[in-house]
Amino acid sequence: MNLPKFLTADNTDNPDDNFIVHTEYPRFIINLIDDEIEFLEDITVSDQEELTLMTAELIDEASAFYDKEVARYQED
């Protein structure tokens, strides 16, 4: 199966939260409401600075993905 890089996710127990799932390494779920991240695997990056930069870029990408998805729904 070829998964997309990002997936939107929701949960009726948390109706105000907007979750994005990142399916590539490092796999994580981010709640865009508060930018809380839950990594789904052990991170093997030994350089904390590299992980911080990578995570910041992925948060930006996840936010842009979400904005694009919402805009598509609003067009309908």
PDB file of N, CA and C in Angstrom:
ATOM      1  N   MET A   1       0.845  -1.158   0.000  1.00  0.00           N
ATOM      2  CA  MET A   1       0.000   0.000   0.000  1.00  0.00           C
ATOM      3  C   MET A   1       0.901   1.235   0.000  1.00  0.00           C
ATOM      4  N   ASN A   2       0.550   2.197  -0.814  1.00  0.00           N
ATOM      5  CA  ASN A   2       1.289   3.446  -0.889  1.00  0.00           C
ATOM      6  C   ASN A   2       0.525   4.521  -0.121  1.00  0.00           C
ATOM      7  N   LEU A   3       0.984   4.817   1.092  1.00  0.00           N
ATOM      8  CA  LEU A   3       0.301   5.806   1.924  1.00  0.00           C
ATOM      9  C   LEU A   3       0.751   7.215   1.574  1.00  0.00           C
ATOM     10  N   PRO A   4      -0.166   8.179   1.653  1.00  0.00           N
ATOM     11  CA  PRO A   4       0.259   9.564   1.496  1.00  0.00           C
ATOM     12  C   PRO A   4       1.123   9.983   2.686  1.00  0.00           C
ATOM     13  N   LYS A   5       1.883  11.039   2.511  1.00  0.00           N
ATOM     14  CA  LYS A   5       2.780  11.513   3.559  1.00  0.00           C
ATOM     15  C   LYS A   5       2.003  11.994   4.780  1.00  0.00           C
ATOM     16  N   PHE A   6       0.856  12.641   4.571  1.00  0.00           N
ATOM     17  CA  PHE A   6       0.030  13.150   5.658  1.00  0.00           C
ATOM     18  C   PHE A   6      -1.399  12.644   5.509  1.00  0.00           C
ATOM     19  N   LEU A   7      -2.047  12.411   6.647  1.00  0.00           N
ATOM     20  CA  LEU A   7      -3.461  12.038   6.693  1.00  0.00           C
ATOM     21  C   LEU A   7      -4.150  12.921   7.721  1.00  0.00           C
ATOM     22  N   THR A   8      -5.378  13.321   7.448  1.00  0.00           N
ATOM     23  CA  THR A   8      -6.156  14.027   8.458  1.00  0.00           C
ATOM     24  C   THR A   8      -6.827  12.993   9.346  1.00  0.00           C
ATOM     25  N   ALA A   9      -7.045  13.355  10.593  1.00  0.00           N
ATOM     26  CA  ALA A   9      -7.691  12.443  11.534  1.00  0.00           C
ATOM     27  C   ALA A   9      -8.538  13.261  12.496  1.00  0.00           C
ATOM     28  N   ASP A  10      -9.633  12.661  12.921  1.00  0.00           N
ATOM     29  CA  ASP A  10     -10.455  13.317  13.934  1.00  0.00           C
ATOM     30  C   ASP A  10     -10.997  12.275  14.886  1.00  0.00           C
ATOM     31  N   ASN A  11     -11.611  12.764  15.941  1.00  0.00           N
ATOM     32  CA  ASN A  11     -12.143  11.882  16.959  1.00  0.00           C
ATOM     33  C   ASN A  11     -13.307  12.606  17.615  1.00  0.00           C
ATOM     34  N   THR A  12     -14.458  11.956  17.677  1.00  0.00           N
ATOM     35  CA  THR A  12     -15.645  12.612  18.241  1.00  0.00           C
ATOM     36  C   THR A  12     -15.500  12.915  19.728  1.00  0.00           C
ATOM     37  N   ASP A  13     -14.571  12.245  20.409  1.00  0.00           N
ATOM     38  CA  ASP A  13     -14.316  12.568  21.814  1.00  0.00           C
ATOM     39  C   ASP A  13     -13.558  13.889  21.964  1.00  0.00           C
ATOM     40  N   ASN A  14     -12.924  14.333  20.880  1.00  0.00           N
ATOM     41  CA  ASN A  14     -12.160  15.584  20.869  1.00  0.00           C
ATOM     42  C   ASN A  14     -12.582  16.412  19.658  1.00  0.00           C
ATOM     43  N   PRO A  15     -13.821  16.898  19.617  1.00  0.00           N
ATOM     44  CA  PRO A  15     -14.335  17.542  18.404  1.00  0.00           C
ATOM     45  C   PRO A  15     -13.643  18.848  18.031  1.00  0.00           C
ATOM     46  N   ASP A  16     -12.961  19.484  18.958  1.00  0.00           N
ATOM     47  CA  ASP A  16     -12.300  20.755  18.655  1.00  0.00           C
ATOM     48  C   ASP A  16     -10.859  20.584  18.201  1.00  0.00           C
ATOM     49  N   ASP A  17     -10.342  19.364  18.224  1.00  0.00           N
ATOM     50  CA  ASP A  17      -8.958  19.113  17.845  1.00  0.00           C
ATOM     51  C   ASP A  17      -8.846  18.767  16.369  1.00  0.00           C
ATOM     52  N   ASN A  18      -7.719  19.152  15.778  1.00  0.00           N
ATOM     53  CA  ASN A  18      -7.421  18.836  14.377  1.00  0.00           C
ATOM     54  C   ASN A  18      -6.113  18.051  14.349  1.00  0.00           C
ATOM     55  N   PHE A  19      -6.211  16.760  14.066  1.00  0.00           N
ATOM     56  CA  PHE A  19      -5.046  15.894  14.061  1.00  0.00           C
ATOM     57  C   PHE A  19      -4.564  15.648  12.638  1.00  0.00           C
ATOM     58  N   ILE A  20      -3.236  15.621  12.487  1.00  0.00           N
ATOM     59  CA  ILE A  20      -2.604  15.218  11.241  1.00  0.00           C
ATOM     60  C   ILE A  20      -1.646  14.084  11.586  1.00  0.00           C
ATOM     61  N   VAL A  21      -1.687  13.017  10.780  1.00  0.00           N
ATOM     62  CA  VAL A  21      -0.798  11.876  10.961  1.00  0.00           C
ATOM     63  C   VAL A  21       0.286  11.958   9.894  1.00  0.00           C
ATOM     64  N   HIS A  22       1.537  11.943  10.313  1.00  0.00           N
ATOM     65  CA  HIS A  22       2.674  11.911   9.394  1.00  0.00           C
ATOM     66  C   HIS A  22       3.091  10.452   9.276  1.00  0.00           C
ATOM     67  N   THR A  23       3.063   9.895   8.061  1.00  0.00           N
ATOM     68  CA  THR A  23       3.234   8.453   7.868  1.00  0.00           C
ATOM     69  C   THR A  23       4.664   8.032   7.538  1.00  0.00           C
ATOM     70  N   GLU A  24       5.560   8.989   7.375  1.00  0.00           N
ATOM     71  CA  GLU A  24       6.953   8.667   7.073  1.00  0.00           C
ATOM     72  C   GLU A  24       7.810   8.914   8.313  1.00  0.00           C
ATOM     73  N   TYR A  25       9.054   8.444   8.270  1.00  0.00           N
ATOM     74  CA  TYR A  25       9.939   8.646   9.420  1.00  0.00           C
ATOM     75  C   TYR A  25      10.252  10.121   9.587  1.00  0.00           C
ATOM     76  N   PRO A  26      10.156  10.648  10.753  1.00  0.00           N
ATOM     77  CA  PRO A  26       9.662  10.057  11.991  1.00  0.00           C
ATOM     78  C   PRO A  26       8.134  10.137  12.033  1.00  0.00           C
ATOM     79  N   ARG A  27       7.479   8.989  12.178  1.00  0.00           N
ATOM     80  CA  ARG A  27       6.009   8.955  12.193  1.00  0.00           C
ATOM     81  C   ARG A  27       5.500   9.597  13.469  1.00  0.00           C
ATOM     82  N   PHE A  28       4.480  10.436  13.313  1.00  0.00           N
ATOM     83  CA  PHE A  28       3.912  11.106  14.480  1.00  0.00           C
ATOM     84  C   PHE A  28       2.494  11.555  14.186  1.00  0.00           C
ATOM     85  N   ILE A  29       1.800  11.917  15.253  1.00  0.00           N
ATOM     86  CA  ILE A  29       0.487  12.563  15.167  1.00  0.00           C
ATOM     87  C   ILE A  29       0.649  13.925  15.813  1.00  0.00           C
ATOM     88  N   ILE A  30       0.164  14.949  15.124  1.00  0.00           N
ATOM     89  CA  ILE A  30       0.219  16.298  15.668  1.00  0.00           C
ATOM     90  C   ILE A  30      -1.196  16.838  15.816  1.00  0.00           C
ATOM     91  N   ASN A  31      -1.437  17.488  16.919  1.00  0.00           N
ATOM     92  CA  ASN A  31      -2.691  18.192  17.116  1.00  0.00           C
ATOM     93  C   ASN A  31      -2.414  19.645  16.749  1.00  0.00           C
ATOM     94  N   LEU A  32      -2.999  20.112  15.653  1.00  0.00           N
ATOM     95  CA  LEU A  32      -2.709  21.452  15.166  1.00  0.00           C
ATOM     96  C   LEU A  32      -3.275  22.553  16.053  1.00  0.00           C
ATOM     97  N   ILE A  33      -4.162  22.209  16.962  1.00  0.00           N
ATOM     98  CA  ILE A  33      -4.709  23.210  17.870  1.00  0.00           C
ATOM     99  C   ILE A  33      -3.634  23.712  18.835  1.00  0.00           C
ATOM    100  N   ASP A  34      -2.813  22.794  19.347  1.00  0.00           N
ATOM    101  CA  ASP A  34      -1.790  23.196  20.315  1.00  0.00           C
ATOM    102  C   ASP A  34      -0.375  22.741  19.932  1.00  0.00           C
ATOM    103  N   ASP A  35      -0.212  22.185  18.714  1.00  0.00           N
ATOM    104  CA  ASP A  35       1.078  21.697  18.203  1.00  0.00           C
ATOM    105  C   ASP A  35       1.686  20.595  19.075  1.00  0.00           C
ATOM    106  N   GLU A  36       0.851  19.898  19.834  1.00  0.00           N
ATOM    107  CA  GLU A  36       1.345  18.768  20.612  1.00  0.00           C
ATOM    108  C   GLU A  36       1.629  17.609  19.666  1.00  0.00           C
ATOM    109  N   ILE A  37       2.789  16.988  19.832  1.00  0.00           N
ATOM    110  CA  ILE A  37       3.215  15.901  18.947  1.00  0.00           C
ATOM    111  C   ILE A  37       3.398  14.624  19.756  1.00  0.00           C
ATOM    112  N   GLU A  38       2.899  13.537  19.191  1.00  0.00           N
ATOM    113  CA  GLU A  38       3.118  12.209  19.773  1.00  0.00           C
ATOM    114  C   GLU A  38       3.844  11.383  18.712  1.00  0.00           C
ATOM    115  N   PHE A  39       5.119  11.064  18.962  1.00  0.00           N
ATOM    116  CA  PHE A  39       5.877  10.242  18.023  1.00  0.00           C
ATOM    117  C   PHE A  39       5.428   8.797  18.168  1.00  0.00           C
ATOM    118  N   LEU A  40       5.328   8.097  17.043  1.00  0.00           N
ATOM    119  CA  LEU A  40       4.822   6.731  17.024  1.00  0.00           C
ATOM    120  C   LEU A  40       5.933   5.686  17.015  1.00  0.00           C
ATOM    121  N   GLU A  41       7.171   6.127  17.099  1.00  0.00           N
ATOM    122  CA  GLU A  41       8.301   5.205  17.081  1.00  0.00           C
ATOM    123  C   GLU A  41       9.477   5.855  17.806  1.00  0.00           C
ATOM    124  N   ASP A  42      10.475   5.064  18.087  1.00  0.00           N
ATOM    125  CA  ASP A  42      11.689   5.611  18.687  1.00  0.00           C
ATOM    126  C   ASP A  42      12.431   6.422  17.639  1.00  0.00           C
ATOM    127  N   ILE A  43      12.924   7.561  18.040  1.00  0.00           N
ATOM    128  CA  ILE A  43      13.653   8.442  17.134  1.00  0.00           C
ATOM    129  C   ILE A  43      15.123   8.070  17.185  1.00  0.00           C
ATOM    130  N   THR A  44      15.727   7.853  16.003  1.00  0.00           N
ATOM    131  CA  THR A  44      17.118   7.428  15.959  1.00  0.00           C
ATOM    132  C   THR A  44      18.084   8.569  15.656  1.00  0.00           C
ATOM    133  N   VAL A  45      17.576   9.762  15.503  1.00  0.00           N
ATOM    134  CA  VAL A  45      18.451  10.903  15.240  1.00  0.00           C
ATOM    135  C   VAL A  45      19.247  11.199  16.513  1.00  0.00           C
ATOM    136  N   SER A  46      20.564  11.159  16.396  1.00  0.00           N
ATOM    137  CA  SER A  46      21.394  11.376  17.583  1.00  0.00           C
ATOM    138  C   SER A  46      21.612  12.854  17.864  1.00  0.00           C
ATOM    139  N   ASP A  47      21.446  13.691  16.859  1.00  0.00           N
ATOM    140  CA  ASP A  47      21.654  15.124  17.031  1.00  0.00           C
ATOM    141  C   ASP A  47      20.322  15.802  17.338  1.00  0.00           C
ATOM    142  N   GLN A  48      20.172  16.291  18.559  1.00  0.00           N
ATOM    143  CA  GLN A  48      18.920  16.923  18.984  1.00  0.00           C
ATOM    144  C   GLN A  48      18.580  18.133  18.113  1.00  0.00           C
ATOM    145  N   GLU A  49      19.600  18.891  17.692  1.00  0.00           N
ATOM    146  CA  GLU A  49      19.364  20.070  16.857  1.00  0.00           C
ATOM    147  C   GLU A  49      18.754  19.652  15.512  1.00  0.00           C
ATOM    148  N   GLU A  50      19.259  18.563  14.932  1.00  0.00           N
ATOM    149  CA  GLU A  50      18.719  18.071  13.659  1.00  0.00           C
ATOM    150  C   GLU A  50      17.261  17.640  13.825  1.00  0.00           C
ATOM    151  N   LEU A  51      16.937  16.963  14.914  1.00  0.00           N
ATOM    152  CA  LEU A  51      15.570  16.540  15.175  1.00  0.00           C
ATOM    153  C   LEU A  51      14.658  17.756  15.344  1.00  0.00           C
ATOM    154  N   THR A  52      15.148  18.765  16.050  1.00  0.00           N
ATOM    155  CA  THR A  52      14.358  19.970  16.259  1.00  0.00           C
ATOM    156  C   THR A  52      14.052  20.655  14.943  1.00  0.00           C
ATOM    157  N   LEU A  53      15.048  20.799  14.080  1.00  0.00           N
ATOM    158  CA  LEU A  53      14.840  21.424  12.767  1.00  0.00           C
ATOM    159  C   LEU A  53      13.900  20.593  11.909  1.00  0.00           C
ATOM    160  N   MET A  54      14.092  19.273  11.899  1.00  0.00           N
ATOM    161  CA  MET A  54      13.253  18.388  11.116  1.00  0.00           C
ATOM    162  C   MET A  54      11.802  18.483  11.589  1.00  0.00           C
ATOM    163  N   THR A  55      11.605  18.485  12.881  1.00  0.00           N
ATOM    164  CA  THR A  55      10.253  18.546  13.437  1.00  0.00           C
ATOM    165  C   THR A  55       9.596  19.875  13.108  1.00  0.00           C
ATOM    166  N   ALA A  56      10.334  20.963  13.198  1.00  0.00           N
ATOM    167  CA  ALA A  56       9.779  22.274  12.865  1.00  0.00           C
ATOM    168  C   ALA A  56       9.329  22.322  11.412  1.00  0.00           C
ATOM    169  N   GLU A  57      10.128  21.778  10.509  1.00  0.00           N
ATOM    170  CA  GLU A  57       9.753  21.734   9.092  1.00  0.00           C
ATOM    171  C   GLU A  57       8.519  20.872   8.875  1.00  0.00           C
ATOM    172  N   LEU A  58       8.453  19.736   9.554  1.00  0.00           N
ATOM    173  CA  LEU A  58       7.308  18.840   9.393  1.00  0.00           C
ATOM    174  C   LEU A  58       6.035  19.454   9.961  1.00  0.00           C
ATOM    175  N   ILE A  59       6.145  20.222  11.034  1.00  0.00           N
ATOM    176  CA  ILE A  59       4.975  20.924  11.571  1.00  0.00           C
ATOM    177  C   ILE A  59       4.460  21.922  10.541  1.00  0.00           C
ATOM    178  N   ASP A  60       5.371  22.652   9.914  1.00  0.00           N
ATOM    179  CA  ASP A  60       4.974  23.596   8.861  1.00  0.00           C
ATOM    180  C   ASP A  60       4.299  22.868   7.696  1.00  0.00           C
ATOM    181  N   GLU A  61       4.870  21.745   7.286  1.00  0.00           N
ATOM    182  CA  GLU A  61       4.288  20.961   6.196  1.00  0.00           C
ATOM    183  C   GLU A  61       2.908  20.424   6.578  1.00  0.00           C
ATOM    184  N   ALA A  62       2.773  19.946   7.797  1.00  0.00           N
ATOM    185  CA  ALA A  62       1.485  19.420   8.264  1.00  0.00           C
ATOM    186  C   ALA A  62       0.433  20.521   8.291  1.00  0.00           C
ATOM    187  N   SER A  63       0.817  21.694   8.732  1.00  0.00           N
ATOM    188  CA  SER A  63      -0.116  22.829   8.766  1.00  0.00           C
ATOM    189  C   SER A  63      -0.541  23.230   7.360  1.00  0.00           C
ATOM    190  N   ALA A  64       0.405  23.279   6.434  1.00  0.00           N
ATOM    191  CA  ALA A  64       0.088  23.618   5.043  1.00  0.00           C
ATOM    192  C   ALA A  64      -0.825  22.552   4.430  1.00  0.00           C
ATOM    193  N   PHE A  65      -0.555  21.284   4.720  1.00  0.00           N
ATOM    194  CA  PHE A  65      -1.405  20.194   4.236  1.00  0.00           C
ATOM    195  C   PHE A  65      -2.828  20.370   4.749  1.00  0.00           C
ATOM    196  N   TYR A  66      -2.966  20.643   6.028  1.00  0.00           N
ATOM    197  CA  TYR A  66      -4.294  20.815   6.619  1.00  0.00           C
ATOM    198  C   TYR A  66      -5.028  22.001   5.979  1.00  0.00           C
ATOM    199  N   ASP A  67      -4.341  23.122   5.807  1.00  0.00           N
ATOM    200  CA  ASP A  67      -4.964  24.296   5.181  1.00  0.00           C
ATOM    201  C   ASP A  67      -5.441  23.978   3.769  1.00  0.00           C
ATOM    202  N   LYS A  68      -4.640  23.216   3.024  1.00  0.00           N
ATOM    203  CA  LYS A  68      -5.014  22.820   1.662  1.00  0.00           C
ATOM    204  C   LYS A  68      -6.244  21.922   1.678  1.00  0.00           C
ATOM    205  N   GLU A  69      -6.274  20.968   2.599  1.00  0.00           N
ATOM    206  CA  GLU A  69      -7.413  20.062   2.696  1.00  0.00           C
ATOM    207  C   GLU A  69      -8.694  20.809   3.064  1.00  0.00           C
ATOM    208  N   VAL A  70      -8.612  21.711   4.022  1.00  0.00           N
ATOM    209  CA  VAL A  70      -9.784  22.487   4.447  1.00  0.00           C
ATOM    210  C   VAL A  70     -10.285  23.353   3.292  1.00  0.00           C
ATOM    211  N   ALA A  71      -9.364  23.961   2.564  1.00  0.00           N
ATOM    212  CA  ALA A  71      -9.760  24.794   1.428  1.00  0.00           C
ATOM    213  C   ALA A  71     -10.493  23.974   0.373  1.00  0.00           C
ATOM    214  N   ARG A  72     -10.060  22.753   0.150  1.00  0.00           N
ATOM    215  CA  ARG A  72     -10.744  21.889  -0.816  1.00  0.00           C
ATOM    216  C   ARG A  72     -12.168  21.563  -0.378  1.00  0.00           C
ATOM    217  N   TYR A  73     -12.352  21.311   0.910  1.00  0.00           N
ATOM    218  CA  TYR A  73     -13.704  21.046   1.421  1.00  0.00           C
ATOM    219  C   TYR A  73     -14.593  22.268   1.305  1.00  0.00           C
ATOM    220  N   GLN A  74     -14.041  23.436   1.529  1.00  0.00           N
ATOM    221  CA  GLN A  74     -14.817  24.669   1.460  1.00  0.00           C
ATOM    222  C   GLN A  74     -15.219  25.017   0.040  1.00  0.00           C
ATOM    223  N   GLU A  75     -14.474  24.529  -0.947  1.00  0.00           N
ATOM    224  CA  GLU A  75     -14.789  24.782  -2.349  1.00  0.00           C
ATOM    225  C   GLU A  75     -16.063  24.053  -2.774  1.00  0.00           C
ATOM    226  N   ASP A  76     -16.344  22.936  -2.149  1.00  0.00           N
ATOM    227  CA  ASP A  76     -17.519  22.118  -2.528  1.00  0.00           C
ATOM    228  C   ASP A  76     -18.811  22.717  -2.107  1.00  0.00           C
TER     229      ASP A  76
END
